[in-house]
Amino acid sequence: MPPLISVIVPTFNSSENVRTCIESLRNQSYPNIEIIVVDNHSTDKTREIVQSFGVEPLIAGPERSSQVNYGVRCAKGMYVYRVDSDFFINRDVIKECVEQCEKHGLDAIAVHNVSDPSVSFWSRVRKFERDMHRGGEGNIAVRFVRTDVWLKLGGLDEFLVAGEDYDFHNRFLKEGYRYGLVDSYEVHLGEPKTLRDVAIKHYMYGKTILRYAKKDPIAASWQLSPLRVGYIRNRSQFTNPTMIAGLAIYQLVRYLASLAGIVASI
């Protein structure tokens, strides 16, 4: 029997996308998976949708880091895979993750994620940006991890609302653990439809991002910088004037909103 994989899905009022997320997990080509949904007291139809798949959601909060850690503590699998509820997971993702870890003795996998380009113009811009980072080592974080490694590292920092994935990745590397990449990828469905959505999201992140930056100022300085190594490595892709202009506007709104959040938190 291949090793059991525990997929941890934190939810909060996730009824818009959670059905698609769980369906994509149920349709994985890998045969041995348990799905653990940890809900933060949703007031919409999230729990009913999850239950329709025969999964009884656990209840925990107050934020997704706490939810994921709780899910890992309840996991029975050799590996845990953190999947946010607004992601679609391509069919071979888990199979490829297990194969890479087992074949090469790896402790984790950083699965590339792309934005769903059908959501809006700004999601197409975001996909354009994320594709620049594919195959690189700068702006990625491991989410498929050996369970014993996750627990030894203490899981996600529950005081972080933003940057918790980068923080875990940084601690993972400092302890000398090894990770790999796979060809299959995740698709982020919960993309912003308007610039207002972008601003609200990053304003909220900005209000807590200093907690992460203070933990590891050096790593944060390049992980959070608007100047990305991937842009330089893939500069030949900058051929579409519309995407270039869109990316410039997106990043301007993103970082101004984050700055406003930082100022509000001081």
Foldseek 3Di string as FASTA:
>chain_A
DQWEEEEEEEDAQLVVFQLLAVVLVVLAPDDHYDYAYEYAPHPDCVQVSCVVVVYHYHYDDDAVQGRRVVSLVVDDTQKYAYDYRQKRFHRHVVVQFSCVCVVVVAFFEWAQEAEDPVQAVLSVLRRLVSVLCPPHDQQTFTGIGGSVLCVVLVGFDRQARPCRRVLSRVSCVVVPGGYYYDDTHMYGHPDDHDLVVLLVVLLVNLLGCVVVCVVPVVSCCQNVDPDHPSCVVVVVSPPDPVSVVSNVVSVVSNVVSSVNSNVVND
